[in-house]
Protein backbone atom coordinates (compact mmCIF):
# COMPACT_ATOMS: atom_id res chain seq x y z
CA MET A 1 -29.79 26.57 10.98
CA SER A 2 -27.14 25.34 13.77
CA ARG A 3 -23.60 25.05 12.93
CA ILE A 4 -23.62 21.01 13.63
CA ARG A 5 -26.80 20.80 11.61
CA ALA A 6 -25.27 22.11 8.97
CA THR A 7 -22.54 19.90 9.22
CA VAL A 8 -24.52 17.21 9.18
CA LEU A 9 -26.45 18.17 5.96
CA ALA A 10 -23.05 18.74 4.53
CA LEU A 11 -21.45 15.32 5.50
CA SER A 12 -24.77 13.54 5.10
CA GLY A 13 -23.78 12.15 1.52
CA LEU A 14 -20.61 10.50 3.32
CA GLY A 15 -22.96 8.61 5.62
CA VAL A 16 -22.07 10.58 8.70
CA LEU A 17 -25.44 10.85 10.20
CA CYS A 18 -24.33 9.94 13.86
CA ALA A 19 -23.89 13.52 14.88
CA ALA A 20 -27.62 14.37 14.32
CA ALA A 21 -28.32 12.97 18.03
CA VAL A 22 -25.62 15.18 19.15
CA ALA A 23 -27.54 18.11 17.07
CA SER A 24 -30.78 17.00 18.52
CA ALA A 25 -30.02 16.88 21.95
CA ALA A 26 -30.97 19.71 24.22
CA PRO A 27 -28.35 21.49 26.53
CA GLY A 28 -28.50 20.04 30.00
CA THR A 29 -30.09 16.59 28.45
CA PRO A 30 -28.22 13.55 30.01
CA SER A 31 -26.05 11.67 27.62
CA SER A 32 -26.43 8.03 26.53
CA SER A 33 -23.82 7.12 29.02
CA GLU A 34 -25.44 8.68 32.04
CA VAL A 35 -29.04 7.25 30.69
CA GLN A 36 -27.32 3.71 30.98
CA GLY A 37 -25.85 4.38 34.40
CA ILE A 38 -22.28 4.52 33.06
CA SER A 39 -20.47 7.56 34.42
CA PRO A 40 -19.33 9.92 31.73
CA GLN A 41 -15.80 9.57 32.64
CA ALA A 42 -15.83 5.48 32.51
CA ALA A 43 -17.66 6.10 29.15
CA THR A 44 -15.06 8.22 27.63
CA THR A 45 -11.74 7.02 28.91
CA PRO A 46 -10.40 4.45 26.19
CA GLU A 47 -8.25 1.59 27.59
CA PRO A 48 -4.59 1.87 26.76
CA VAL A 49 -4.32 -0.19 23.64
CA GLU A 50 -0.92 -1.07 21.95
CA ARG A 51 -1.46 -0.03 18.24
CA PRO A 52 0.47 -1.70 15.26
CA VAL A 53 3.36 0.33 14.00
CA TYR A 54 2.81 -0.05 10.33
CA GLY A 55 1.68 -3.35 9.86
CA PRO A 56 0.64 -6.58 11.56
CA ILE A 57 2.99 -8.07 14.40
CA ARG A 58 1.92 -11.77 15.75
CA SER A 59 4.89 -12.57 17.32
CA LYS A 60 5.03 -12.77 21.41
CA ASP A 61 8.30 -12.44 21.98
CA PRO A 62 9.61 -8.64 23.19
CA GLU A 63 12.88 -8.79 21.30
CA VAL A 64 11.29 -9.86 18.22
CA ARG A 65 8.46 -7.40 18.21
CA ALA A 66 11.03 -4.60 18.98
CA ARG A 67 12.61 -5.84 15.88
CA ILE A 68 10.10 -6.15 13.53
CA LYS A 69 8.66 -2.23 14.59
CA GLU A 70 12.40 -1.25 13.82
CA LEU A 71 12.01 -2.81 10.35
CA TYR A 72 8.65 -1.20 9.98
CA LEU A 73 10.04 1.98 10.89
CA GLU A 74 13.19 1.58 8.51
CA ARG A 75 10.67 0.83 5.60
CA ASN A 76 8.66 4.06 6.46
CA ARG A 77 11.74 6.00 6.39
CA ARG A 78 13.14 4.76 3.16
CA GLU A 79 9.66 5.55 1.53
CA SER A 80 9.24 9.00 2.84
CA GLU A 81 12.97 9.96 1.89
CA ALA A 82 12.03 8.65 -1.56
CA SER A 83 8.86 10.22 -1.72
CA GLU A 84 10.71 13.72 -1.00
CA ARG A 85 13.17 13.09 -3.47
CA LEU A 86 10.59 12.08 -6.36
CA ALA A 87 9.00 15.35 -5.50
CA GLU A 88 12.08 17.33 -6.36
CA ILE A 89 12.71 15.29 -9.19
CA SER A 90 9.24 16.26 -10.33
CA VAL A 91 9.86 20.08 -9.70
CA GLU A 92 13.22 19.63 -11.47
CA LEU A 93 11.20 18.18 -14.60
CA THR A 94 8.85 21.05 -14.74
CA SER A 95 11.66 23.34 -15.60
CA VAL A 96 14.47 21.11 -17.62
CA SER A 97 14.82 22.16 -21.16
CA ASP A 98 17.73 19.80 -21.66
CA SER A 99 16.56 16.72 -23.11
CA ASP A 100 19.87 14.64 -21.70
CA LEU A 101 19.19 16.08 -18.00
CA GLU A 102 15.39 15.25 -18.50
CA LEU A 103 16.40 11.76 -19.51
CA GLN A 104 18.68 11.22 -16.23
CA LEU A 105 16.00 12.66 -14.13
CA GLN A 106 13.70 10.35 -15.63
CA ARG A 107 16.04 7.23 -14.85
CA GLU A 108 16.87 8.43 -11.39
CA ALA A 109 13.17 8.51 -10.62
CA HIS A 110 12.68 4.82 -11.99
CA ASP A 111 15.70 3.58 -10.20
CA LEU A 112 14.57 5.19 -7.04
CA LYS A 113 10.83 3.68 -7.46
CA ALA A 114 12.58 0.29 -7.81
CA GLY A 115 15.02 0.81 -5.19
CA VAL A 116 12.18 0.97 -2.78
CA GLU A 117 9.87 -1.58 -4.35
CA ARG A 118 13.01 -4.14 -3.61
CA SER A 119 13.78 -2.31 -0.31
CA ASN A 120 10.06 -3.13 0.64
CA LEU A 121 9.86 -6.68 -0.52
CA GLU A 122 13.25 -7.11 1.55
CA ILE A 123 12.01 -5.67 4.58
CA GLY A 124 8.80 -7.50 4.23
CA LEU A 125 10.22 -11.01 3.88
CA ASP A 126 12.24 -10.11 6.81
CA ILE A 127 9.33 -9.25 8.86
CA ALA A 128 7.31 -12.25 7.83
CA ARG A 129 10.26 -14.44 8.60
CA LEU A 130 10.74 -12.96 12.12
CA ASP A 131 7.07 -12.78 12.87
CA GLY A 132 6.94 -16.86 11.83
CA ASP A 133 4.12 -15.91 9.04
CA GLU A 134 5.42 -18.66 6.53
CA GLY A 135 2.34 -17.83 4.02
CA ARG A 136 3.57 -14.10 3.61
CA ALA A 137 7.16 -15.22 3.70
CA ALA A 138 6.67 -17.16 0.88
CA ASP A 139 4.74 -14.40 -1.02
CA PHE A 140 7.80 -12.40 -0.58
CA ALA A 141 10.33 -14.57 -1.60
CA HIS A 142 8.21 -15.35 -4.94
CA ALA A 143 7.88 -11.43 -5.42
CA LEU A 144 11.46 -11.20 -4.83
CA ASP A 145 12.27 -14.04 -7.08
CA GLN A 146 9.70 -12.57 -10.13
CA LEU A 147 11.64 -8.90 -9.35
CA ASP A 148 15.14 -10.95 -9.85
CA HIS A 149 13.93 -13.46 -12.85
CA PRO A 150 11.10 -12.11 -14.76
CA GLU A 151 11.94 -14.43 -17.42
CA LYS A 152 11.11 -17.40 -15.37
CA TYR A 153 7.38 -16.14 -15.30
CA PHE A 154 7.08 -15.16 -18.98
CA PRO A 155 4.37 -17.53 -20.84
CA THR A 156 5.40 -20.20 -22.59
CA PRO A 157 5.21 -19.87 -26.26
CA THR A 158 3.33 -22.82 -27.92
CA TYR A 159 4.14 -23.27 -31.23
CA ASP A 160 2.35 -25.96 -33.34
CA ARG A 161 4.07 -26.45 -36.71
CA ALA A 162 1.09 -28.04 -38.28
CA LYS A 163 -1.11 -25.12 -37.32
CA ALA A 164 1.47 -22.60 -38.71
CA GLN A 165 1.69 -24.33 -42.12
CA ALA A 166 -2.32 -24.81 -42.44
CA ARG A 167 -2.73 -20.88 -41.59
CA ALA A 168 0.05 -19.97 -44.29
CA ARG A 169 -1.45 -21.99 -46.95
CA GLU A 170 -5.14 -20.58 -46.09
CA LEU A 171 -3.37 -17.05 -46.43
CA GLY A 172 -1.46 -18.26 -49.49
CA VAL A 173 1.68 -17.14 -47.98
CA ASP A 174 4.67 -19.45 -48.57
CA GLY A 175 6.36 -19.33 -45.27
CA GLY A 176 4.59 -21.76 -43.41
CA ALA A 177 6.62 -24.72 -44.91
CA GLU A 178 10.14 -23.91 -43.01
């Protein structure tokens, strides 16, 4: 069995069946691009495309685009640094026997994660505002507000005194009369 066919069989569970055509083509057989009258060089040369750095950029202004790219790179740099430090903390936690040091490392990891989350939201808000995407900007502002004031988003308790008293009488508890 050829190497390519073995690969196709191994990957067929993942839906990779396009290599079967390559495996069945005999050497010297013209490629599909040659059959269609397209030169092989033109068929394989991709058009230069400006790929997004790490997210969408809708703005057409080159200065704004450059600033947004810088913000995406800054976010990526911060995430990488935090990830490296979290890996170090994880290694340290495996060998720690002092409970105070363990607690300190766990707090550092928690604070680091919270800092990265806040930083990502702030950078996302800046990017959305620069890009003129008011919907995303509103979402980021809302998320930051939830982070800063979680109590505003707690469910409001609905206390009905009559229901509480009826339930207390039902249970035979003398606490519902308040």
